[in-house]
Amino acid sequence: MMTLASLALPLLFALFGLLLAFSRNDLADAFRTGATEGLHTAFGLLPTLVMLMTAVSMFSASGAPAYIATWLAPVLAKLGIPSELTPLLLIRSLSGSGSTALLTQLYDTYGPDSAIAFYASVLTASSDTLLYVIAVYLSGIKKTRHTLLSAILVMLLGILLSGIFSRLYYPG
């Protein structure tokens, strides 16, 4: 027997289809206009994304994350964040796929039910790739005065809160 939840998406598509079929708008023209605007946006973002991906690759290849991780580990330990998470903290703000690879590596090393994996999961779920978000959402905006500072402070708050909540809620 199908539940209401499994029928929600098909019913929603059918409702929108019926609304569009009986509307007086030119659907083909609206689709073409939307697709054209979407492609213009994508092409406008392309140089920013290429620059960002190049910078992240160069930063990762330079060995700087490992150097910074050894410097930050004692500070994070005082905040209750395990030192094993330091590379993840650094890479998470730069690269989503890199942080996913590190998260998978932590799962393989410590096990998916370990405290390290729990902390890493909470941290990953409560943060985002800082530079990517800034590059994509603010690529057309000229006055971004306090954007980077605000984003860094929010990221640090997310790291601190993820450490606090992980200690409070880890079942082990």
Protein backbone atom coordinates (compact mmCIF):
# COMPACT_ATOMS: atom_id res chain seq x y z
CA MET A 1 0.00 0.00 0.00
CA MET A 2 1.38 3.40 -0.99
CA THR A 3 1.63 6.00 1.72
CA LEU A 4 0.83 9.67 1.36
CA ALA A 5 4.53 10.54 1.58
CA SER A 6 5.40 8.36 -1.40
CA LEU A 7 2.62 10.00 -3.43
CA ALA A 8 3.51 13.59 -2.46
CA LEU A 9 6.08 14.26 -5.18
CA PRO A 10 4.10 12.75 -8.09
CA LEU A 11 0.97 14.60 -6.94
CA LEU A 12 2.92 17.84 -6.70
CA PHE A 13 4.27 17.40 -10.25
CA ALA A 14 0.78 16.60 -11.52
CA LEU A 15 -0.63 19.69 -9.80
CA PHE A 16 2.02 21.95 -11.33
CA GLY A 17 1.52 20.31 -14.71
CA LEU A 18 -2.21 20.97 -14.57
CA LEU A 19 -1.68 24.56 -13.45
CA LEU A 20 0.73 25.16 -16.32
CA ALA A 21 -1.52 23.43 -18.85
CA PHE A 22 -4.46 25.68 -17.97
CA SER A 23 -2.47 28.87 -17.59
CA ARG A 24 -2.49 31.52 -20.27
CA ASN A 25 1.29 31.85 -20.37
CA ASP A 26 3.43 30.68 -23.28
CA LEU A 27 5.20 27.76 -21.62
CA ALA A 28 7.80 27.23 -24.34
CA ASP A 29 8.81 30.91 -24.22
CA ALA A 30 8.99 30.88 -20.42
CA PHE A 31 11.18 27.77 -20.54
CA ARG A 32 13.50 29.30 -23.16
CA THR A 33 13.79 32.53 -21.17
CA GLY A 34 14.59 30.67 -17.95
CA ALA A 35 17.11 28.40 -19.65
CA THR A 36 18.82 31.38 -21.29
CA GLU A 37 19.10 33.25 -17.98
CA GLY A 38 20.42 30.11 -16.28
CA LEU A 39 23.11 29.62 -18.91
CA HIS A 40 24.15 33.28 -18.68
CA THR A 41 24.48 32.90 -14.91
CA ALA A 42 26.49 29.69 -15.26
CA PHE A 43 28.88 31.23 -17.78
CA GLY A 44 29.24 34.31 -15.57
CA LEU A 45 30.25 32.12 -12.62
CA LEU A 46 32.68 29.97 -14.57
CA PRO A 47 35.80 32.21 -14.29
CA THR A 48 35.25 32.64 -10.56
CA LEU A 49 34.88 28.90 -10.02
CA VAL A 50 37.97 28.08 -12.11
CA MET A 51 40.00 30.59 -10.09
CA LEU A 52 38.66 29.19 -6.82
CA MET A 53 39.36 25.56 -7.77
CA THR A 54 42.88 26.48 -8.85
CA ALA A 55 43.58 28.33 -5.60
CA VAL A 56 42.23 25.46 -3.48
CA SER A 57 44.32 22.91 -5.40
CA MET A 58 47.45 25.02 -5.00
CA PHE A 59 46.79 25.51 -1.28
CA SER A 60 46.26 21.79 -0.72
CA ALA A 61 49.30 20.80 -2.78
CA SER A 62 51.57 23.28 -0.96
CA GLY A 63 51.40 21.35 2.30
CA ALA A 64 50.11 24.41 4.14
CA PRO A 65 47.06 22.61 5.59
CA ALA A 66 49.32 20.07 7.36
CA TYR A 67 51.54 22.85 8.73
CA ILE A 68 48.56 24.87 9.96
CA ALA A 69 46.99 21.72 11.42
CA THR A 70 50.02 21.08 13.65
CA TRP A 71 49.87 24.69 14.83
CA LEU A 72 46.10 24.64 15.55
CA ALA A 73 45.87 21.22 17.20
CA PRO A 74 46.74 22.40 20.76
CA VAL A 75 44.28 25.30 20.54
CA LEU A 76 41.48 23.03 19.33
CA ALA A 77 42.29 20.46 22.02
CA LYS A 78 41.62 23.12 24.65
CA LEU A 79 38.22 23.69 23.03
CA GLY A 80 37.49 19.96 23.24
CA ILE A 81 37.87 19.29 19.52
CA PRO A 82 40.01 16.22 18.78
CA SER A 83 43.28 16.92 16.97
CA GLU A 84 42.39 14.28 14.37
CA LEU A 85 39.77 16.70 13.04
CA THR A 86 42.18 19.58 12.40
CA PRO A 87 42.80 18.75 8.70
CA LEU A 88 39.03 18.41 8.20
CA LEU A 89 38.45 21.82 9.80
CA LEU A 90 40.87 23.44 7.38
CA ILE A 91 39.78 21.69 4.21
CA ARG A 92 36.03 21.97 4.94
CA SER A 93 36.02 25.70 4.32
CA LEU A 94 37.87 25.29 1.02
CA SER A 95 36.70 22.11 -0.66
CA GLY A 96 33.53 20.08 -0.28
CA SER A 97 34.88 17.04 -2.11
CA GLY A 98 38.19 17.25 -0.21
CA SER A 99 36.39 17.34 3.11
CA THR A 100 34.19 14.43 2.07
CA ALA A 101 37.32 12.44 1.24
CA LEU A 102 38.80 13.29 4.66
CA LEU A 103 35.53 12.35 6.36
CA THR A 104 35.56 8.98 4.61
CA GLN A 105 39.17 8.48 5.64
CA LEU A 106 38.24 9.22 9.27
CA TYR A 107 35.42 6.65 9.05
CA ASP A 108 37.83 4.06 7.68
CA THR A 109 40.50 4.80 10.29
CA TYR A 110 38.40 5.14 13.45
CA GLY A 111 35.16 3.39 12.49
CA PRO A 112 31.81 4.99 11.76
CA ASP A 113 30.58 4.63 15.36
CA SER A 114 33.60 6.22 17.02
CA ALA A 115 33.67 9.56 18.80
CA ILE A 116 35.98 10.97 16.09
CA ALA A 117 33.50 9.98 13.37
CA PHE A 118 30.61 11.47 15.37
CA TYR A 119 32.45 14.78 15.87
CA ALA A 120 33.50 14.83 12.20
CA SER A 121 29.95 14.14 11.02
CA VAL A 122 28.49 16.91 13.16
CA LEU A 123 31.21 19.31 12.03
CA THR A 124 30.71 18.48 8.36
CA ALA A 125 26.94 18.79 8.62
CA SER A 126 27.12 22.14 10.41
CA SER A 127 29.49 23.90 8.01
CA ASP A 128 29.88 24.65 4.34
CA THR A 129 32.61 25.43 1.85
CA LEU A 130 33.16 29.04 2.80
CA LEU A 131 35.05 30.31 -0.23
CA TYR A 132 32.78 28.53 -2.70
CA VAL A 133 29.67 30.06 -1.16
CA ILE A 134 31.21 33.53 -1.18
CA ALA A 135 32.41 33.15 -4.78
CA VAL A 136 29.09 31.88 -6.09
CA TYR A 137 26.62 34.02 -4.18
CA LEU A 138 28.58 37.26 -4.33
CA SER A 139 30.13 37.06 -7.78
CA GLY A 140 28.00 39.92 -9.13
CA ILE A 141 28.01 42.08 -6.02
CA LYS A 142 30.52 44.93 -5.85
CA LYS A 143 30.32 46.00 -2.18
CA THR A 144 31.27 43.01 -0.05
CA ARG A 145 32.88 44.96 2.76
CA HIS A 146 32.59 42.58 5.72
CA THR A 147 31.58 39.41 3.92
CA LEU A 148 34.74 37.36 4.37
CA LEU A 149 35.20 38.37 8.02
CA SER A 150 31.55 37.58 8.78
CA ALA A 151 31.77 34.23 7.00
CA ILE A 152 34.93 33.30 8.90
CA LEU A 153 33.34 34.24 12.23
CA VAL A 154 30.23 32.19 11.44
CA MET A 155 32.45 29.26 10.43
CA LEU A 156 34.35 29.50 13.72
CA LEU A 157 31.08 29.65 15.64
CA GLY A 158 29.89 26.54 13.78
CA ILE A 159 33.12 24.73 14.66
CA LEU A 160 32.82 25.71 18.32
CA LEU A 161 29.15 24.74 18.55
CA SER A 162 29.70 21.45 16.73
CA GLY A 163 32.39 20.59 19.29
CA ILE A 164 30.10 21.51 22.20
CA PHE A 165 27.09 19.61 20.86
CA SER A 166 29.21 16.59 19.95
CA ARG A 167 30.47 16.36 23.53
CA LEU A 168 26.93 16.77 24.89
CA TYR A 169 25.23 14.27 22.62
CA TYR A 170 27.82 11.61 21.83
CA PRO A 171 26.35 8.42 23.30
CA GLY A 172 29.72 6.83 24.13
